[in-house]
Amino acid sequence: MNKREVGIGLLGLGTVGSGVARVLIEKGDTLARQVGCRLVLRKVLVRDAARARQFAVDPGLLTVKPEEVLERPDVDIVAELIGGEGLALKCIETALSRGKHVATANKEVMAKHGPSLLALAQKNGVESATRPASAAAYRSSRHSSGTSPPTRYSPSTPY
């Protein structure tokens, strides 16, 4: 991704999502210097767009429709921060299928679907990054089930 701007789509604006949004918005210049390009928050999936939030985000960035984040051509990286398995898995698969990089800390999804998600990412030439806790949960679940641990995963970079 050799670009001047990298578009970020957030799935979730709870405690973690609000923190990520705050850093992207308030520390944008610092991040741009550190990363070498501007990280721009493009769209945020929420359950209720009208709800009051601890960190105010431009209402135009909010949506209750996952496809409005996942189908945007200017979103390069999707941060999955909603948790759980159902919707999170569907969103991660859709993002990877559309050639978007994905960052998640979703231990349940990675433990149950890690190999297929990593294969999908590789097939589409993108990264599916996970926090170390997710990787550990995934490895533990695979080891305890009698199968071998993964041969490849991509740890996420701090953000």
N, C-alpha and C. Protein backbone atom coordinates (compact mmCIF):
# COMPACT_ATOMS: atom_id res chain seq x y z
N MET A 1 0.84 -1.17 0.00
CA MET A 1 0.00 0.00 0.00
C MET A 1 0.89 1.24 0.00
N ASN A 2 1.35 1.63 -1.14
CA ASN A 2 2.20 2.80 -1.24
C ASN A 2 1.32 3.97 -1.65
N LYS A 3 0.71 4.61 -0.66
CA LYS A 3 -0.27 5.66 -0.92
C LYS A 3 -0.01 6.84 -0.01
N ARG A 4 -0.62 7.97 -0.37
CA ARG A 4 -0.55 9.15 0.49
C ARG A 4 -1.56 9.08 1.62
N GLU A 5 -2.68 8.39 1.35
CA GLU A 5 -3.73 8.21 2.36
C GLU A 5 -4.14 6.75 2.40
N VAL A 6 -4.42 6.28 3.59
CA VAL A 6 -4.95 4.93 3.77
C VAL A 6 -6.29 5.09 4.46
N GLY A 7 -7.33 4.58 3.81
CA GLY A 7 -8.68 4.68 4.35
C GLY A 7 -8.95 3.59 5.37
N ILE A 8 -9.51 3.99 6.51
CA ILE A 8 -9.82 3.06 7.59
C ILE A 8 -11.32 2.98 7.78
N GLY A 9 -11.83 1.76 7.86
CA GLY A 9 -13.22 1.52 8.21
C GLY A 9 -13.28 0.81 9.55
N LEU A 10 -14.05 1.34 10.47
CA LEU A 10 -14.20 0.73 11.79
C LEU A 10 -15.51 -0.02 11.86
N LEU A 11 -15.46 -1.23 12.40
CA LEU A 11 -16.67 -1.99 12.68
C LEU A 11 -16.81 -1.98 14.19
N GLY A 12 -17.59 -1.04 14.70
CA GLY A 12 -17.80 -0.91 16.14
C GLY A 12 -17.24 0.40 16.67
N LEU A 13 -18.01 1.02 17.55
CA LEU A 13 -17.60 2.28 18.15
C LEU A 13 -17.88 2.25 19.65
N GLY A 14 -17.56 1.11 20.26
CA GLY A 14 -17.66 0.98 21.71
C GLY A 14 -16.43 1.59 22.36
N THR A 15 -15.99 1.02 23.45
CA THR A 15 -14.83 1.55 24.15
C THR A 15 -13.58 1.52 23.28
N VAL A 16 -13.28 0.38 22.68
CA VAL A 16 -12.09 0.26 21.85
C VAL A 16 -12.24 1.06 20.57
N GLY A 17 -13.37 0.92 19.90
CA GLY A 17 -13.60 1.65 18.65
C GLY A 17 -13.53 3.14 18.84
N SER A 18 -14.09 3.65 19.95
CA SER A 18 -14.02 5.08 20.23
C SER A 18 -12.57 5.52 20.43
N GLY A 19 -11.79 4.68 21.10
CA GLY A 19 -10.38 5.00 21.30
C GLY A 19 -9.62 5.04 20.00
N VAL A 20 -9.89 4.09 19.12
CA VAL A 20 -9.24 4.08 17.81
C VAL A 20 -9.65 5.31 17.01
N ALA A 21 -10.95 5.62 17.00
CA ALA A 21 -11.43 6.80 16.27
C ALA A 21 -10.79 8.07 16.82
N ARG A 22 -10.69 8.18 18.11
CA ARG A 22 -10.10 9.36 18.74
C ARG A 22 -8.64 9.53 18.30
N VAL A 23 -7.89 8.45 18.32
CA VAL A 23 -6.48 8.52 17.91
C VAL A 23 -6.38 8.91 16.43
N LEU A 24 -7.18 8.28 15.58
CA LEU A 24 -7.13 8.60 14.15
C LEU A 24 -7.47 10.06 13.89
N ILE A 25 -8.43 10.60 14.62
CA ILE A 25 -8.87 11.97 14.39
C ILE A 25 -7.97 12.98 15.08
N GLU A 26 -7.67 12.76 16.35
CA GLU A 26 -6.92 13.75 17.12
C GLU A 26 -5.40 13.68 16.92
N LYS A 27 -4.91 12.52 16.58
CA LYS A 27 -3.46 12.33 16.43
C LYS A 27 -3.07 12.06 14.98
N GLY A 28 -3.90 12.49 14.06
CA GLY A 28 -3.67 12.22 12.64
C GLY A 28 -2.32 12.69 12.12
N ASP A 29 -1.90 13.89 12.51
CA ASP A 29 -0.61 14.41 12.03
C ASP A 29 0.55 13.59 12.57
N THR A 30 0.49 13.24 13.83
CA THR A 30 1.55 12.43 14.44
C THR A 30 1.61 11.06 13.78
N LEU A 31 0.46 10.44 13.58
CA LEU A 31 0.42 9.14 12.92
C LEU A 31 0.97 9.21 11.50
N ALA A 32 0.63 10.26 10.78
CA ALA A 32 1.10 10.42 9.41
C ALA A 32 2.63 10.47 9.37
N ARG A 33 3.22 11.19 10.31
CA ARG A 33 4.69 11.25 10.37
C ARG A 33 5.28 9.88 10.69
N GLN A 34 4.65 9.17 11.61
CA GLN A 34 5.17 7.86 12.03
C GLN A 34 5.00 6.79 10.96
N VAL A 35 3.87 6.81 10.29
CA VAL A 35 3.54 5.77 9.33
C VAL A 35 4.01 6.10 7.92
N GLY A 36 4.10 7.37 7.62
CA GLY A 36 4.52 7.78 6.28
C GLY A 36 3.38 8.09 5.34
N CYS A 37 2.16 8.03 5.84
CA CYS A 37 0.99 8.42 5.05
C CYS A 37 -0.13 8.75 6.04
N ARG A 38 -1.14 9.42 5.54
CA ARG A 38 -2.26 9.83 6.39
C ARG A 38 -3.24 8.68 6.54
N LEU A 39 -3.65 8.38 7.77
CA LEU A 39 -4.68 7.37 8.05
C LEU A 39 -6.00 8.11 8.23
N VAL A 40 -6.93 7.86 7.33
CA VAL A 40 -8.18 8.62 7.30
C VAL A 40 -9.36 7.72 7.65
N LEU A 41 -10.10 8.12 8.68
CA LEU A 41 -11.30 7.39 9.06
C LEU A 41 -12.38 7.68 8.03
N ARG A 42 -12.82 6.64 7.31
CA ARG A 42 -13.78 6.81 6.22
C ARG A 42 -15.22 6.51 6.62
N LYS A 43 -15.42 5.45 7.41
CA LYS A 43 -16.79 5.04 7.76
C LYS A 43 -16.73 4.18 9.01
N VAL A 44 -17.81 4.25 9.83
CA VAL A 44 -17.87 3.53 11.10
C VAL A 44 -19.22 2.83 11.23
N LEU A 45 -19.18 1.52 11.42
CA LEU A 45 -20.39 0.74 11.65
C LEU A 45 -20.77 0.82 13.12
N VAL A 46 -22.01 1.18 13.39
CA VAL A 46 -22.54 1.25 14.76
C VAL A 46 -23.90 0.57 14.80
N ARG A 47 -24.35 0.21 15.98
CA ARG A 47 -25.70 -0.36 16.13
C ARG A 47 -26.78 0.70 16.01
N ASP A 48 -26.50 1.88 16.57
CA ASP A 48 -27.48 2.96 16.62
C ASP A 48 -26.78 4.27 16.31
N ALA A 49 -27.01 4.80 15.12
CA ALA A 49 -26.33 6.02 14.68
C ALA A 49 -26.77 7.25 15.46
N ALA A 50 -27.95 7.20 16.09
CA ALA A 50 -28.46 8.37 16.82
C ALA A 50 -27.98 8.42 18.27
N ARG A 51 -27.38 7.36 18.75
CA ARG A 51 -26.96 7.26 20.15
C ARG A 51 -25.87 8.27 20.50
N ALA A 52 -25.95 8.82 21.71
CA ALA A 52 -24.90 9.72 22.19
C ALA A 52 -23.65 8.89 22.47
N ARG A 53 -22.49 9.44 22.18
CA ARG A 53 -21.24 8.70 22.30
C ARG A 53 -20.26 9.42 23.19
N GLN A 54 -19.35 8.67 23.81
CA GLN A 54 -18.34 9.28 24.67
C GLN A 54 -17.33 10.08 23.86
N PHE A 55 -17.16 9.73 22.58
CA PHE A 55 -16.30 10.51 21.69
C PHE A 55 -17.12 10.84 20.45
N ALA A 56 -17.31 12.13 20.22
CA ALA A 56 -18.16 12.57 19.10
C ALA A 56 -17.43 12.37 17.77
N VAL A 57 -18.06 11.61 16.90
CA VAL A 57 -17.57 11.38 15.55
C VAL A 57 -18.55 12.05 14.61
N ASP A 58 -18.03 12.61 13.53
CA ASP A 58 -18.89 13.24 12.53
C ASP A 58 -20.03 12.27 12.18
N PRO A 59 -21.29 12.68 12.37
CA PRO A 59 -22.42 11.79 12.11
C PRO A 59 -22.44 11.24 10.68
N GLY A 60 -21.85 11.96 9.76
CA GLY A 60 -21.78 11.50 8.37
C GLY A 60 -20.90 10.26 8.20
N LEU A 61 -20.05 9.98 9.17
CA LEU A 61 -19.20 8.79 9.11
C LEU A 61 -19.91 7.55 9.63
N LEU A 62 -21.00 7.73 10.36
CA LEU A 62 -21.68 6.60 11.00
C LEU A 62 -22.68 5.93 10.07
N THR A 63 -22.76 4.60 10.21
CA THR A 63 -23.73 3.83 9.45
C THR A 63 -24.16 2.62 10.27
N VAL A 64 -25.36 2.12 10.01
CA VAL A 64 -25.82 0.89 10.63
C VAL A 64 -25.77 -0.27 9.63
N LYS A 65 -25.27 0.00 8.44
CA LYS A 65 -25.21 -1.01 7.38
C LYS A 65 -23.76 -1.41 7.12
N PRO A 66 -23.39 -2.66 7.41
CA PRO A 66 -22.01 -3.10 7.21
C PRO A 66 -21.49 -2.85 5.80
N GLU A 67 -22.35 -3.04 4.81
CA GLU A 67 -21.91 -2.88 3.42
C GLU A 67 -21.42 -1.45 3.12
N GLU A 68 -21.91 -0.47 3.87
CA GLU A 68 -21.46 0.91 3.64
C GLU A 68 -20.01 1.11 4.07
N VAL A 69 -19.51 0.23 4.91
CA VAL A 69 -18.08 0.24 5.27
C VAL A 69 -17.33 -0.68 4.32
N LEU A 70 -17.82 -1.89 4.15
CA LEU A 70 -17.10 -2.94 3.45
C LEU A 70 -17.03 -2.76 1.94
N GLU A 71 -17.98 -2.04 1.37
CA GLU A 71 -18.00 -1.88 -0.09
C GLU A 71 -17.41 -0.55 -0.55
N ARG A 72 -16.94 0.27 0.37
CA ARG A 72 -16.32 1.55 -0.02
C ARG A 72 -14.97 1.30 -0.67
N PRO A 73 -14.77 1.80 -1.87
CA PRO A 73 -13.47 1.60 -2.52
C PRO A 73 -12.33 2.35 -1.83
N ASP A 74 -12.66 3.38 -1.06
CA ASP A 74 -11.61 4.16 -0.39
C ASP A 74 -11.28 3.65 1.02
N VAL A 75 -11.85 2.51 1.41
CA VAL A 75 -11.47 1.85 2.67
C VAL A 75 -10.47 0.76 2.33
N ASP A 76 -9.25 0.92 2.84
CA ASP A 76 -8.17 -0.03 2.58
C ASP A 76 -8.02 -1.05 3.71
N ILE A 77 -8.28 -0.60 4.96
CA ILE A 77 -8.13 -1.44 6.14
C ILE A 77 -9.42 -1.39 6.94
N VAL A 78 -9.89 -2.57 7.34
CA VAL A 78 -11.07 -2.67 8.18
C VAL A 78 -10.63 -3.16 9.55
N ALA A 79 -11.01 -2.43 10.58
CA ALA A 79 -10.74 -2.83 11.96
C ALA A 79 -12.03 -3.39 12.54
N GLU A 80 -12.04 -4.70 12.80
CA GLU A 80 -13.22 -5.35 13.35
C GLU A 80 -13.15 -5.24 14.87
N LEU A 81 -14.09 -4.50 15.44
CA LEU A 81 -14.11 -4.22 16.87
C LEU A 81 -15.48 -4.49 17.49
N ILE A 82 -16.29 -5.32 16.82
CA ILE A 82 -17.64 -5.57 17.31
C ILE A 82 -17.73 -6.81 18.19
N GLY A 83 -16.80 -7.75 18.05
CA GLY A 83 -16.81 -8.94 18.88
C GLY A 83 -17.88 -9.93 18.46
N GLY A 84 -17.92 -11.04 19.18
CA GLY A 84 -18.86 -12.10 18.85
C GLY A 84 -18.42 -12.83 17.60
N GLU A 85 -19.24 -13.77 17.16
CA GLU A 85 -18.85 -14.57 16.01
C GLU A 85 -19.62 -14.24 14.74
N GLY A 86 -20.94 -14.25 14.78
CA GLY A 86 -21.77 -14.15 13.58
C GLY A 86 -21.47 -13.00 12.66
N LEU A 87 -21.86 -11.81 13.06
CA LEU A 87 -21.67 -10.63 12.22
C LEU A 87 -20.19 -10.34 11.99
N ALA A 88 -19.38 -10.51 13.01
CA ALA A 88 -17.95 -10.24 12.89
C ALA A 88 -17.33 -11.12 11.81
N LEU A 89 -17.62 -12.41 11.83
CA LEU A 89 -17.08 -13.34 10.84
C LEU A 89 -17.52 -12.95 9.44
N LYS A 90 -18.80 -12.67 9.29
CA LYS A 90 -19.33 -12.30 7.97
C LYS A 90 -18.63 -11.03 7.45
N CYS A 91 -18.45 -10.06 8.32
CA CYS A 91 -17.79 -8.81 7.91
C CYS A 91 -16.32 -9.03 7.55
N ILE A 92 -15.63 -9.84 8.34
CA ILE A 92 -14.21 -10.12 8.05
C ILE A 92 -14.09 -10.83 6.71
N GLU A 93 -14.92 -11.84 6.49
CA GLU A 93 -14.88 -12.57 5.21
C GLU A 93 -15.18 -11.64 4.04
N THR A 94 -16.17 -10.79 4.19
CA THR A 94 -16.53 -9.87 3.12
C THR A 94 -15.38 -8.90 2.84
N ALA A 95 -14.80 -8.34 3.89
CA ALA A 95 -13.69 -7.39 3.71
C ALA A 95 -12.52 -8.06 3.00
N LEU A 96 -12.13 -9.24 3.45
CA LEU A 96 -11.01 -9.95 2.82
C LEU A 96 -11.32 -10.28 1.36
N SER A 97 -12.55 -10.70 1.09
CA SER A 97 -12.96 -11.03 -0.28
C SER A 97 -12.92 -9.82 -1.19
N ARG A 98 -13.10 -8.64 -0.62
CA ARG A 98 -13.07 -7.41 -1.40
C ARG A 98 -11.67 -6.78 -1.44
N GLY A 99 -10.68 -7.52 -0.97
CA GLY A 99 -9.31 -7.05 -1.06
C GLY A 99 -8.92 -6.02 -0.02
N LYS A 100 -9.59 -6.06 1.12
CA LYS A 100 -9.27 -5.11 2.19
C LYS A 100 -8.48 -5.84 3.29
N HIS A 101 -7.48 -5.17 3.84
CA HIS A 101 -6.75 -5.71 4.97
C HIS A 101 -7.67 -5.65 6.19
N VAL A 102 -7.52 -6.60 7.10
CA VAL A 102 -8.37 -6.65 8.29
C VAL A 102 -7.51 -6.77 9.54
N ALA A 103 -7.86 -5.98 10.54
CA ALA A 103 -7.26 -6.09 11.87
C ALA A 103 -8.36 -6.45 12.84
N THR A 104 -8.12 -7.45 13.69
CA THR A 104 -9.12 -7.87 14.66
C THR A 104 -8.44 -8.37 15.92
N ALA A 105 -9.14 -8.28 17.01
CA ALA A 105 -8.70 -8.88 18.27
C ALA A 105 -9.74 -9.90 18.72
N ASN A 106 -10.50 -10.39 17.76
CA ASN A 106 -11.63 -11.28 18.05
C ASN A 106 -11.13 -12.72 18.24
N LYS A 107 -10.96 -13.09 19.50
CA LYS A 107 -10.43 -14.41 19.83
C LYS A 107 -11.35 -15.53 19.37
N GLU A 108 -12.64 -15.35 19.51
CA GLU A 108 -13.58 -16.40 19.12
C GLU A 108 -13.50 -16.68 17.63
N VAL A 109 -13.56 -15.63 16.83
CA VAL A 109 -13.51 -15.80 15.37
C VAL A 109 -12.19 -16.43 14.94
N MET A 110 -11.08 -15.94 15.47
CA MET A 110 -9.79 -16.47 15.07
C MET A 110 -9.59 -17.91 15.54
N ALA A 111 -10.10 -18.23 16.73
CA ALA A 111 -9.96 -19.59 17.23
C ALA A 111 -10.75 -20.58 16.38
N LYS A 112 -11.91 -20.18 15.94
CA LYS A 112 -12.79 -21.09 15.19
C LYS A 112 -12.54 -21.06 13.68
N HIS A 113 -12.11 -19.89 13.15
CA HIS A 113 -12.06 -19.72 11.71
C HIS A 113 -10.72 -19.20 11.20
N GLY A 114 -9.72 -19.16 12.06
CA GLY A 114 -8.42 -18.61 11.69
C GLY A 114 -7.85 -19.14 10.39
N PRO A 115 -7.74 -20.47 10.21
CA PRO A 115 -7.14 -20.99 8.98
C PRO A 115 -7.87 -20.55 7.71
N SER A 116 -9.19 -20.59 7.73
CA SER A 116 -9.94 -20.20 6.53
C SER A 116 -9.81 -18.70 6.26
N LEU A 117 -9.76 -17.90 7.31
CA LEU A 117 -9.60 -16.45 7.12
C LEU A 117 -8.21 -16.12 6.59
N LEU A 118 -7.20 -16.78 7.12
CA LEU A 118 -5.84 -16.55 6.63
C LEU A 118 -5.70 -16.99 5.18
N ALA A 119 -6.34 -18.10 4.82
CA ALA A 119 -6.31 -18.57 3.44
C ALA A 119 -7.03 -17.58 2.52
N LEU A 120 -8.15 -17.06 2.97
CA LEU A 120 -8.90 -16.07 2.19
C LEU A 120 -8.08 -14.80 2.00
N ALA A 121 -7.41 -14.37 3.06
CA ALA A 121 -6.56 -13.18 2.96
C ALA A 121 -5.45 -13.42 1.95
N GLN A 122 -4.80 -14.56 2.04
CA GLN A 122 -3.70 -14.86 1.12
C GLN A 122 -4.20 -14.93 -0.31
N LYS A 123 -5.34 -15.54 -0.53
CA LYS A 123 -5.93 -15.65 -1.86
C LYS A 123 -6.17 -14.27 -2.48
N ASN A 124 -6.54 -13.30 -1.63
CA ASN A 124 -6.87 -11.96 -2.12
C ASN A 124 -5.72 -10.97 -1.97
N GLY A 125 -4.55 -11.45 -1.56
CA GLY A 125 -3.36 -10.60 -1.50
C GLY A 125 -3.40 -9.55 -0.41
N VAL A 126 -4.07 -9.86 0.69
CA VAL A 126 -4.17 -8.91 1.82
C VAL A 126 -3.77 -9.62 3.10
N GLU A 127 -3.68 -8.86 4.18
CA GLU A 127 -3.33 -9.40 5.48
C GLU A 127 -4.56 -9.46 6.38
N SER A 128 -4.63 -10.53 7.15
CA SER A 128 -5.60 -10.62 8.22
C SER A 128 -4.78 -10.59 9.49
N ALA A 129 -4.71 -9.43 10.11
CA ALA A 129 -3.86 -9.25 11.28
C ALA A 129 -4.66 -9.48 12.54
N THR A 130 -4.01 -10.07 13.51
CA THR A 130 -4.67 -10.33 14.78
C THR A 130 -3.75 -9.93 15.91
N ARG A 131 -4.34 -9.53 16.99
CA ARG A 131 -3.56 -9.21 18.19
C ARG A 131 -3.02 -10.50 18.77
N PRO A 132 -1.93 -10.45 19.51
CA PRO A 132 -1.34 -11.67 20.08
C PRO A 132 -2.31 -12.50 20.91
N ALA A 133 -3.21 -11.88 21.65
CA ALA A 133 -4.16 -12.65 22.46
C ALA A 133 -5.03 -13.53 21.57
N SER A 134 -5.42 -13.02 20.41
CA SER A 134 -6.22 -13.81 19.49
C SER A 134 -5.42 -14.97 18.95
N ALA A 135 -4.18 -14.69 18.60
CA ALA A 135 -3.32 -15.75 18.06
C ALA A 135 -3.11 -16.83 19.11
N ALA A 136 -2.92 -16.44 20.36
CA ALA A 136 -2.71 -17.41 21.43
C ALA A 136 -3.96 -18.27 21.62
N ALA A 137 -5.13 -17.65 21.59
CA ALA A 137 -6.37 -18.41 21.73
C ALA A 137 -6.52 -19.38 20.57
N TYR A 138 -6.19 -18.91 19.39
CA TYR A 138 -6.28 -19.76 18.21
C TYR A 138 -5.33 -20.95 18.35
N ARG A 139 -4.07 -20.66 18.68
CA ARG A 139 -3.08 -21.72 18.82
C ARG A 139 -3.49 -22.71 19.90
N SER A 140 -3.97 -22.20 21.02
CA SER A 140 -4.37 -23.08 22.12
C SER A 140 -5.51 -23.99 21.70
N SER A 141 -6.47 -23.44 21.01
CA SER A 141 -7.63 -24.24 20.61
C SER A 141 -7.22 -25.30 19.61
N ARG A 142 -6.32 -24.98 18.71
CA ARG A 142 -5.89 -25.95 17.72
C ARG A 142 -5.04 -27.03 18.38
N HIS A 143 -4.19 -26.63 19.30
CA HIS A 143 -3.33 -27.59 19.98
C HIS A 143 -4.16 -28.55 20.83
N SER A 144 -5.12 -28.03 21.54
CA SER A 144 -5.93 -28.87 22.43
C SER A 144 -6.87 -29.77 21.65
N SER A 145 -7.13 -29.43 20.40
CA SER A 145 -8.02 -30.28 19.60
C SER A 145 -7.24 -31.37 18.87
N GLY A 146 -5.90 -31.39 19.07
CA GLY A 146 -5.10 -32.44 18.47
C GLY A 146 -4.55 -32.09 17.10
N THR A 147 -4.86 -30.92 16.58
CA THR A 147 -4.30 -30.52 15.29
C THR A 147 -3.09 -29.64 15.53
N SER A 148 -2.30 -29.49 14.52
CA SER A 148 -1.08 -28.72 14.69
C SER A 148 -1.37 -27.22 14.73
N PRO A 149 -0.49 -26.45 15.37
CA PRO A 149 -0.68 -25.01 15.42
C PRO A 149 -0.47 -24.40 14.04
N PRO A 150 -0.92 -23.17 13.84
CA PRO A 150 -0.79 -22.56 12.52
C PRO A 150 0.67 -22.35 12.15
N THR A 151 0.93 -22.39 10.87
CA THR A 151 2.29 -22.15 10.41
C THR A 151 2.51 -20.68 10.10
N ARG A 152 1.44 -19.93 9.96
CA ARG A 152 1.58 -18.52 9.61
C ARG A 152 0.41 -17.72 10.15
N TYR A 153 0.71 -16.60 10.77
CA TYR A 153 -0.30 -15.62 11.10
C TYR A 153 0.40 -14.28 11.13
N SER A 154 -0.34 -13.22 11.02
CA SER A 154 0.24 -11.90 10.97
C SER A 154 -0.13 -11.12 12.22
N PRO A 155 0.81 -10.90 13.12
CA PRO A 155 0.48 -10.08 14.28
C PRO A 155 0.25 -8.64 13.86
N SER A 156 -0.72 -8.02 14.48
CA SER A 156 -1.01 -6.64 14.11
C SER A 156 0.03 -5.70 14.70
N THR A 157 0.17 -4.57 14.06
CA THR A 157 1.04 -3.56 14.60
C THR A 157 0.25 -2.70 15.57
N PRO A 158 0.88 -2.11 16.56
CA PRO A 158 0.14 -1.29 17.50
C PRO A 158 -0.53 -0.11 16.81
N TYR A 159 -1.73 0.22 17.24
CA TYR A 159 -2.42 1.40 16.69
C TYR A 159 -3.10 2.18 17.73
